[in-house]
Amino acid sequence: MSIDYYNQNADKFIKDTINVDMGRLYERFEKYLNHGDTILDIGCGSGRDSQYFMEKGYDVYAHDGSPAMVEQTRKLIGDQVAIATFEAFDPVTCFHKKVTFNGLWACASLLHVPEKEMADILNRYLSFLAINGIFFMSFKRRASNHEKDGRIFTNYTKEKLENLLEKLGPIRIVEHLETVDVRQGREDEGWISVIIKKESE
């Protein structure tokens, strides 16, 4: 399972990702938000993004299926972090209160969801999003899925991603981005990201 990989390789993963400059993507996401808005960091990993958003004044919640990643993120943002898989996450269960989010941030995390489950998982998260809230998600830009080190990767081209988003409703695509990996030595890895807006229940 992908979670096992992150538990077993937590120190290396944190070291490799904690200082990566995500400024370009933060900027694209934040222009749709207001100061103090509530953000959920989906699959928070090292806590890098959760910490950034908290320091910018947002009300940040986070979750990850890996206890090692949750422990790391708690060191950075405090108690609003929960151990939960994508399938099991629920604000009431995780945080003991109903939370409606203005922004959902899923940076290189949902790519571990099996393709056949992706639309259902995305619709679950949309149910936690406020009307006119935004949802950022990113995937490796590849024509086919792959496995590596015991992790599954569900990958997308622009056409494949648009076909997926047609299964969600009712949303509107507000940004489409294609970038390269900013980690040293990974410059050949392409990424595809979208920001969608929830238009109604």
C-alpha atoms as a PDB file:
ATOM      1  CA  MET A   1       0.000   0.000   0.000  1.00  0.00           C
ATOM      2  CA  SER A   2       1.077   3.582  -0.649  1.00  0.00           C
ATOM      3  CA  ILE A   3       0.585   4.432   3.041  1.00  0.00           C
ATOM      4  CA  ASP A   4       3.141   1.810   4.042  1.00  0.00           C
ATOM      5  CA  TYR A   5       5.726   3.474   1.818  1.00  0.00           C
ATOM      6  CA  TYR A   6       5.263   6.847   3.517  1.00  0.00           C
ATOM      7  CA  ASN A   7       5.411   5.342   6.995  1.00  0.00           C
ATOM      8  CA  GLN A   8       8.590   3.452   6.184  1.00  0.00           C
ATOM      9  CA  ASN A   9      10.280   6.306   4.311  1.00  0.00           C
ATOM     10  CA  ALA A  10       8.972   9.261   6.300  1.00  0.00           C
ATOM     11  CA  ASP A  11      12.311  10.905   7.068  1.00  0.00           C
ATOM     12  CA  LYS A  12      13.514  10.797   3.471  1.00  0.00           C
ATOM     13  CA  PHE A  13      10.187  11.961   2.061  1.00  0.00           C
ATOM     14  CA  ILE A  14      10.009  14.883   4.484  1.00  0.00           C
ATOM     15  CA  LYS A  15      13.600  15.889   3.716  1.00  0.00           C
ATOM     16  CA  ASP A  16      12.938  15.742  -0.041  1.00  0.00           C
ATOM     17  CA  THR A  17       9.729  17.801   0.036  1.00  0.00           C
ATOM     18  CA  ILE A  18       9.652  20.141   3.046  1.00  0.00           C
ATOM     19  CA  ASN A  19      11.610  22.981   1.391  1.00  0.00           C
ATOM     20  CA  VAL A  20      10.308  22.705  -2.169  1.00  0.00           C
ATOM     21  CA  ASP A  21       9.208  26.098  -3.522  1.00  0.00           C
ATOM     22  CA  MET A  22       5.497  25.896  -4.337  1.00  0.00           C
ATOM     23  CA  GLY A  23       5.021  29.655  -4.632  1.00  0.00           C
ATOM     24  CA  ARG A  24       3.668  29.637  -8.171  1.00  0.00           C
ATOM     25  CA  LEU A  25       0.876  27.208  -7.289  1.00  0.00           C
ATOM     26  CA  TYR A  26       0.085  28.918  -3.976  1.00  0.00           C
ATOM     27  CA  GLU A  27      -0.395  32.182  -5.842  1.00  0.00           C
ATOM     28  CA  ARG A  28      -2.840  30.656  -8.328  1.00  0.00           C
ATOM     29  CA  PHE A  29      -4.855  29.060  -5.495  1.00  0.00           C
ATOM     30  CA  GLU A  30      -4.885  32.016  -3.117  1.00  0.00           C
ATOM     31  CA  LYS A  31      -6.259  34.529  -5.597  1.00  0.00           C
ATOM     32  CA  TYR A  32      -9.653  32.856  -5.173  1.00  0.00           C
ATOM     33  CA  LEU A  33      -9.525  32.974  -1.348  1.00  0.00           C
ATOM     34  CA  ASN A  34     -10.018  35.595   1.340  1.00  0.00           C
ATOM     35  CA  HIS A  35      -7.890  36.090   4.435  1.00  0.00           C
ATOM     36  CA  GLY A  36      -9.054  33.734   7.188  1.00  0.00           C
ATOM     37  CA  ASP A  37     -10.811  31.295   4.867  1.00  0.00           C
ATOM     38  CA  THR A  38     -10.911  27.645   5.884  1.00  0.00           C
ATOM     39  CA  ILE A  39      -8.618  25.287   3.943  1.00  0.00           C
ATOM     40  CA  LEU A  40      -8.317  21.501   4.010  1.00  0.00           C
ATOM     41  CA  ASP A  41      -4.915  20.078   3.044  1.00  0.00           C
ATOM     42  CA  ILE A  42      -5.768  16.648   1.608  1.00  0.00           C
ATOM     43  CA  GLY A  43      -2.931  14.158   2.005  1.00  0.00           C
ATOM     44  CA  CYS A  44      -0.793  16.722   3.807  1.00  0.00           C
ATOM     45  CA  GLY A  45       2.477  14.777   3.688  1.00  0.00           C
ATOM     46  CA  SER A  46       5.337  16.723   5.273  1.00  0.00           C
ATOM     47  CA  GLY A  47       3.018  19.565   6.306  1.00  0.00           C
ATOM     48  CA  ARG A  48       4.846  22.058   4.089  1.00  0.00           C
ATOM     49  CA  ASP A  49       1.685  23.449   2.521  1.00  0.00           C
ATOM     50  CA  SER A  50      -0.368  23.363   5.724  1.00  0.00           C
ATOM     51  CA  GLN A  51       2.300  25.428   7.467  1.00  0.00           C
ATOM     52  CA  TYR A  52       2.438  27.955   4.627  1.00  0.00           C
ATOM     53  CA  PHE A  53      -1.331  28.466   4.611  1.00  0.00           C
ATOM     54  CA  MET A  54      -1.475  28.770   8.407  1.00  0.00           C
ATOM     55  CA  GLU A  55       1.284  31.384   8.390  1.00  0.00           C
ATOM     56  CA  LYS A  56      -0.693  33.333   5.767  1.00  0.00           C
ATOM     57  CA  GLY A  57      -3.632  33.563   8.149  1.00  0.00           C
ATOM     58  CA  TYR A  58      -5.955  30.856   6.873  1.00  0.00           C
ATOM     59  CA  ASP A  59      -7.846  28.464   9.155  1.00  0.00           C
ATOM     60  CA  VAL A  60      -6.075  25.242   8.198  1.00  0.00           C
ATOM     61  CA  TYR A  61      -7.153  21.640   8.665  1.00  0.00           C
ATOM     62  CA  ALA A  62      -5.233  18.669   7.289  1.00  0.00           C
ATOM     63  CA  HIS A  63      -5.327  14.908   7.050  1.00  0.00           C
ATOM     64  CA  ASP A  64      -3.188  12.048   5.805  1.00  0.00           C
ATOM     65  CA  GLY A  65      -3.464   8.276   5.863  1.00  0.00           C
ATOM     66  CA  SER A  66       0.091   7.958   7.182  1.00  0.00           C
ATOM     67  CA  PRO A  67       0.521   8.358  10.968  1.00  0.00           C
ATOM     68  CA  ALA A  68       4.143   9.421  10.360  1.00  0.00           C
ATOM     69  CA  MET A  69       3.033  12.269   8.100  1.00  0.00           C
ATOM     70  CA  VAL A  70       0.338  13.366  10.545  1.00  0.00           C
ATOM     71  CA  GLU A  71       2.857  13.438  13.382  1.00  0.00           C
ATOM     72  CA  GLN A  72       5.139  15.654  11.278  1.00  0.00           C
ATOM     73  CA  THR A  73       2.331  18.033  10.289  1.00  0.00           C
ATOM     74  CA  ARG A  74       1.131  18.381  13.885  1.00  0.00           C
ATOM     75  CA  LYS A  75       4.584  19.713  14.785  1.00  0.00           C
ATOM     76  CA  LEU A  76       3.992  22.516  12.283  1.00  0.00           C
ATOM     77  CA  ILE A  77       0.330  23.489  12.681  1.00  0.00           C
ATOM     78  CA  GLY A  78      -0.975  21.925  15.888  1.00  0.00           C
ATOM     79  CA  ASP A  79      -3.989  19.730  16.489  1.00  0.00           C
ATOM     80  CA  GLN A  80      -6.139  20.365  13.393  1.00  0.00           C
ATOM     81  CA  VAL A  81      -4.593  17.319  11.686  1.00  0.00           C
ATOM     82  CA  ALA A  82      -6.212  13.886  11.494  1.00  0.00           C
ATOM     83  CA  ILE A  83      -5.156  10.380  10.522  1.00  0.00           C
ATOM     84  CA  ALA A  84      -7.626   9.390   7.798  1.00  0.00           C
ATOM     85  CA  THR A  85      -7.528   7.841   4.355  1.00  0.00           C
ATOM     86  CA  PHE A  86      -9.183   9.522   1.393  1.00  0.00           C
ATOM     87  CA  GLU A  87     -12.091   7.075   1.654  1.00  0.00           C
ATOM     88  CA  ALA A  88     -12.623   7.566   5.384  1.00  0.00           C
ATOM     89  CA  PHE A  89     -12.094  11.311   5.832  1.00  0.00           C
ATOM     90  CA  ASP A  90     -15.035  13.152   7.359  1.00  0.00           C
ATOM     91  CA  PRO A  91     -14.742  16.463   9.243  1.00  0.00           C
ATOM     92  CA  VAL A  92     -17.130  15.458  12.030  1.00  0.00           C
ATOM     93  CA  THR A  93     -15.345  12.166  12.659  1.00  0.00           C
ATOM     94  CA  CYS A  94     -11.876  13.682  12.399  1.00  0.00           C
ATOM     95  CA  PHE A  95     -12.347  17.037  14.101  1.00  0.00           C
ATOM     96  CA  HIS A  96     -15.517  16.449  16.186  1.00  0.00           C
ATOM     97  CA  LYS A  97     -17.374  19.293  14.518  1.00  0.00           C
ATOM     98  CA  LYS A  98     -18.895  20.124  11.167  1.00  0.00           C
ATOM     99  CA  VAL A  99     -16.476  22.099   9.019  1.00  0.00           C
ATOM    100  CA  THR A 100     -17.276  23.563   5.609  1.00  0.00           C
ATOM    101  CA  PHE A 101     -14.165  24.469   3.655  1.00  0.00           C
ATOM    102  CA  ASN A 102     -13.598  27.445   1.352  1.00  0.00           C
ATOM    103  CA  GLY A 103     -10.623  25.734  -0.266  1.00  0.00           C
ATOM    104  CA  LEU A 104      -9.496  22.158  -0.802  1.00  0.00           C
ATOM    105  CA  TRP A 105      -5.810  21.640  -1.539  1.00  0.00           C
ATOM    106  CA  ALA A 106      -4.662  18.264  -2.893  1.00  0.00           C
ATOM    107  CA  CYS A 107      -1.098  18.697  -4.108  1.00  0.00           C
ATOM    108  CA  ALA A 108       0.334  15.419  -5.435  1.00  0.00           C
ATOM    109  CA  SER A 109      -1.812  13.363  -3.075  1.00  0.00           C
ATOM    110  CA  LEU A 110      -4.963  12.164  -4.838  1.00  0.00           C
ATOM    111  CA  LEU A 111      -2.747  10.524  -7.453  1.00  0.00           C
ATOM    112  CA  HIS A 112      -2.665   7.531  -5.077  1.00  0.00           C
ATOM    113  CA  VAL A 113      -6.434   6.982  -5.453  1.00  0.00           C
ATOM    114  CA  PRO A 114      -7.232   4.081  -7.845  1.00  0.00           C
ATOM    115  CA  GLU A 115      -8.634   5.434 -11.098  1.00  0.00           C
ATOM    116  CA  LYS A 116     -11.947   3.602 -10.782  1.00  0.00           C
ATOM    117  CA  GLU A 117     -12.538   5.253  -7.391  1.00  0.00           C
ATOM    118  CA  MET A 118     -11.416   8.770  -8.302  1.00  0.00           C
ATOM    119  CA  ALA A 119     -14.756  10.340  -9.260  1.00  0.00           C
ATOM    120  CA  ASP A 120     -16.467   9.067  -6.095  1.00  0.00           C
ATOM    121  CA  ILE A 121     -13.625  10.327  -3.894  1.00  0.00           C
ATOM    122  CA  LEU A 122     -13.647  13.755  -5.532  1.00  0.00           C
ATOM    123  CA  ASN A 123     -17.405  14.049  -5.142  1.00  0.00           C
ATOM    124  CA  ARG A 124     -17.051  13.170  -1.439  1.00  0.00           C
ATOM    125  CA  TYR A 125     -14.611  16.025  -0.953  1.00  0.00           C
ATOM    126  CA  LEU A 126     -16.849  18.389  -2.923  1.00  0.00           C
ATOM    127  CA  SER A 127     -19.598  17.657  -0.380  1.00  0.00           C
ATOM    128  CA  PHE A 128     -17.367  19.287   2.268  1.00  0.00           C
ATOM    129  CA  LEU A 129     -16.744  22.375   0.125  1.00  0.00           C
ATOM    130  CA  ALA A 130     -18.738  25.610   0.368  1.00  0.00           C
ATOM    131  CA  ILE A 131     -20.620  26.838  -2.685  1.00  0.00           C
ATOM    132  CA  ASN A 132     -18.174  28.973  -4.701  1.00  0.00           C
ATOM    133  CA  GLY A 133     -15.339  27.227  -2.863  1.00  0.00           C
ATOM    134  CA  ILE A 134     -12.325  26.079  -4.849  1.00  0.00           C
ATOM    135  CA  PHE A 135     -10.524  22.758  -5.176  1.00  0.00           C
ATOM    136  CA  PHE A 136      -6.908  22.472  -6.328  1.00  0.00           C
ATOM    137  CA  MET A 137      -5.614  19.068  -7.367  1.00  0.00           C
ATOM    138  CA  SER A 138      -2.476  17.916  -9.176  1.00  0.00           C
ATOM    139  CA  PHE A 139      -1.364  14.708 -10.856  1.00  0.00           C
ATOM    140  CA  LYS A 140       1.626  13.415 -12.770  1.00  0.00           C
ATOM    141  CA  ARG A 141       1.189  14.212 -16.470  1.00  0.00           C
ATOM    142  CA  ARG A 142       1.397  10.795 -18.091  1.00  0.00           C
ATOM    143  CA  ALA A 143      -0.756   8.847 -20.529  1.00  0.00           C
ATOM    144  CA  SER A 144      -0.906   5.702 -18.378  1.00  0.00           C
ATOM    145  CA  ASN A 145      -0.923   4.783 -14.706  1.00  0.00           C
ATOM    146  CA  HIS A 146       2.070   3.147 -13.023  1.00  0.00           C
ATOM    147  CA  GLU A 147       3.400   1.630  -9.811  1.00  0.00           C
ATOM    148  CA  LYS A 148       6.648   2.429  -8.029  1.00  0.00           C
ATOM    149  CA  ASP A 149       8.046   1.328  -4.653  1.00  0.00           C
ATOM    150  CA  GLY A 150       4.732  -0.229  -3.690  1.00  0.00           C
ATOM    151  CA  ARG A 151       2.779   2.930  -4.537  1.00  0.00           C
ATOM    152  CA  ILE A 152       0.106   3.210  -7.182  1.00  0.00           C
ATOM    153  CA  PHE A 153      -0.050   6.341  -9.318  1.00  0.00           C
ATOM    154  CA  THR A 154      -3.155   7.381 -11.221  1.00  0.00           C
ATOM    155  CA  ASN A 155      -1.954   9.729 -13.943  1.00  0.00           C
ATOM    156  CA  TYR A 156      -3.695  12.123 -16.312  1.00  0.00           C
ATOM    157  CA  THR A 157      -3.395  13.900 -19.608  1.00  0.00           C
ATOM    158  CA  LYS A 158      -5.447  17.052 -20.152  1.00  0.00           C
ATOM    159  CA  GLU A 159      -8.114  15.126 -22.086  1.00  0.00           C
ATOM    160  CA  LYS A 160      -8.301  12.328 -19.515  1.00  0.00           C
ATOM    161  CA  LEU A 161      -8.574  14.820 -16.657  1.00  0.00           C
ATOM    162  CA  GLU A 162     -11.346  16.749 -18.399  1.00  0.00           C
ATOM    163  CA  ASN A 163     -13.251  13.481 -18.872  1.00  0.00           C
ATOM    164  CA  LEU A 164     -12.919  12.808 -15.146  1.00  0.00           C
ATOM    165  CA  LEU A 165     -14.166  16.264 -14.185  1.00  0.00           C
ATOM    166  CA  GLU A 166     -17.263  15.795 -16.350  1.00  0.00           C
ATOM    167  CA  LYS A 167     -18.308  13.106 -13.853  1.00  0.00           C
ATOM    168  CA  LEU A 168     -18.345  15.618 -11.034  1.00  0.00           C
ATOM    169  CA  GLY A 169     -21.043  18.016 -10.493  1.00  0.00           C
ATOM    170  CA  PRO A 170     -21.798  20.839 -10.554  1.00  0.00           C
ATOM    171  CA  ILE A 171     -18.367  22.424 -10.942  1.00  0.00           C
ATOM    172  CA  ARG A 172     -16.520  24.771 -13.273  1.00  0.00           C
ATOM    173  CA  ILE A 173     -12.842  24.609 -14.242  1.00  0.00           C
ATOM    174  CA  VAL A 174     -11.265  27.990 -13.459  1.00  0.00           C
ATOM    175  CA  GLU A 175      -7.565  27.163 -13.941  1.00  0.00           C
ATOM    176  CA  HIS A 176      -5.649  24.526 -15.890  1.00  0.00           C
ATOM    177  CA  LEU A 177      -1.907  24.353 -15.312  1.00  0.00           C
ATOM    178  CA  GLU A 178       0.900  22.241 -16.741  1.00  0.00           C
ATOM    179  CA  THR A 179       4.238  22.466 -14.909  1.00  0.00           C
ATOM    180  CA  VAL A 180       7.445  20.530 -14.327  1.00  0.00           C
ATOM    181  CA  ASP A 181       8.619  19.074 -11.035  1.00  0.00           C
ATOM    182  CA  VAL A 182      10.498  21.658  -8.958  1.00  0.00           C
ATOM    183  CA  ARG A 183      12.484  19.074  -6.993  1.00  0.00           C
ATOM    184  CA  GLN A 184      16.147  18.826  -7.907  1.00  0.00           C
ATOM    185  CA  GLY A 185      16.765  16.002 -10.360  1.00  0.00           C
ATOM    186  CA  ARG A 186      13.052  15.646 -11.191  1.00  0.00           C
ATOM    187  CA  GLU A 187      12.848  18.327 -13.881  1.00  0.00           C
ATOM    188  CA  ASP A 188      11.805  15.771 -16.517  1.00  0.00           C
ATOM    189  CA  GLU A 189       8.620  14.922 -14.587  1.00  0.00           C
ATOM    190  CA  GLY A 190       5.552  16.786 -15.855  1.00  0.00           C
ATOM    191  CA  TRP A 191       2.569  17.721 -13.698  1.00  0.00           C
ATOM    192  CA  ILE A 192      -0.992  18.633 -14.574  1.00  0.00           C
ATOM    193  CA  SER A 193      -3.139  20.641 -12.170  1.00  0.00           C
ATOM    194  CA  VAL A 194      -6.620  22.101 -12.136  1.00  0.00           C
ATOM    195  CA  ILE A 195      -8.549  24.473  -9.926  1.00  0.00           C
ATOM    196  CA  ILE A 196     -12.279  23.892  -9.970  1.00  0.00           C
ATOM    197  CA  LYS A 197     -15.074  25.927  -8.393  1.00  0.00           C
ATOM    198  CA  LYS A 198     -18.163  24.392  -6.818  1.00  0.00           C
ATOM    199  CA  GLU A 199     -21.202  26.093  -8.287  1.00  0.00           C
ATOM    200  CA  SER A 200     -24.065  24.562  -6.284  1.00  0.00           C
ATOM    201  CA  GLU A 201     -25.013  21.583  -4.120  1.00  0.00           C
END
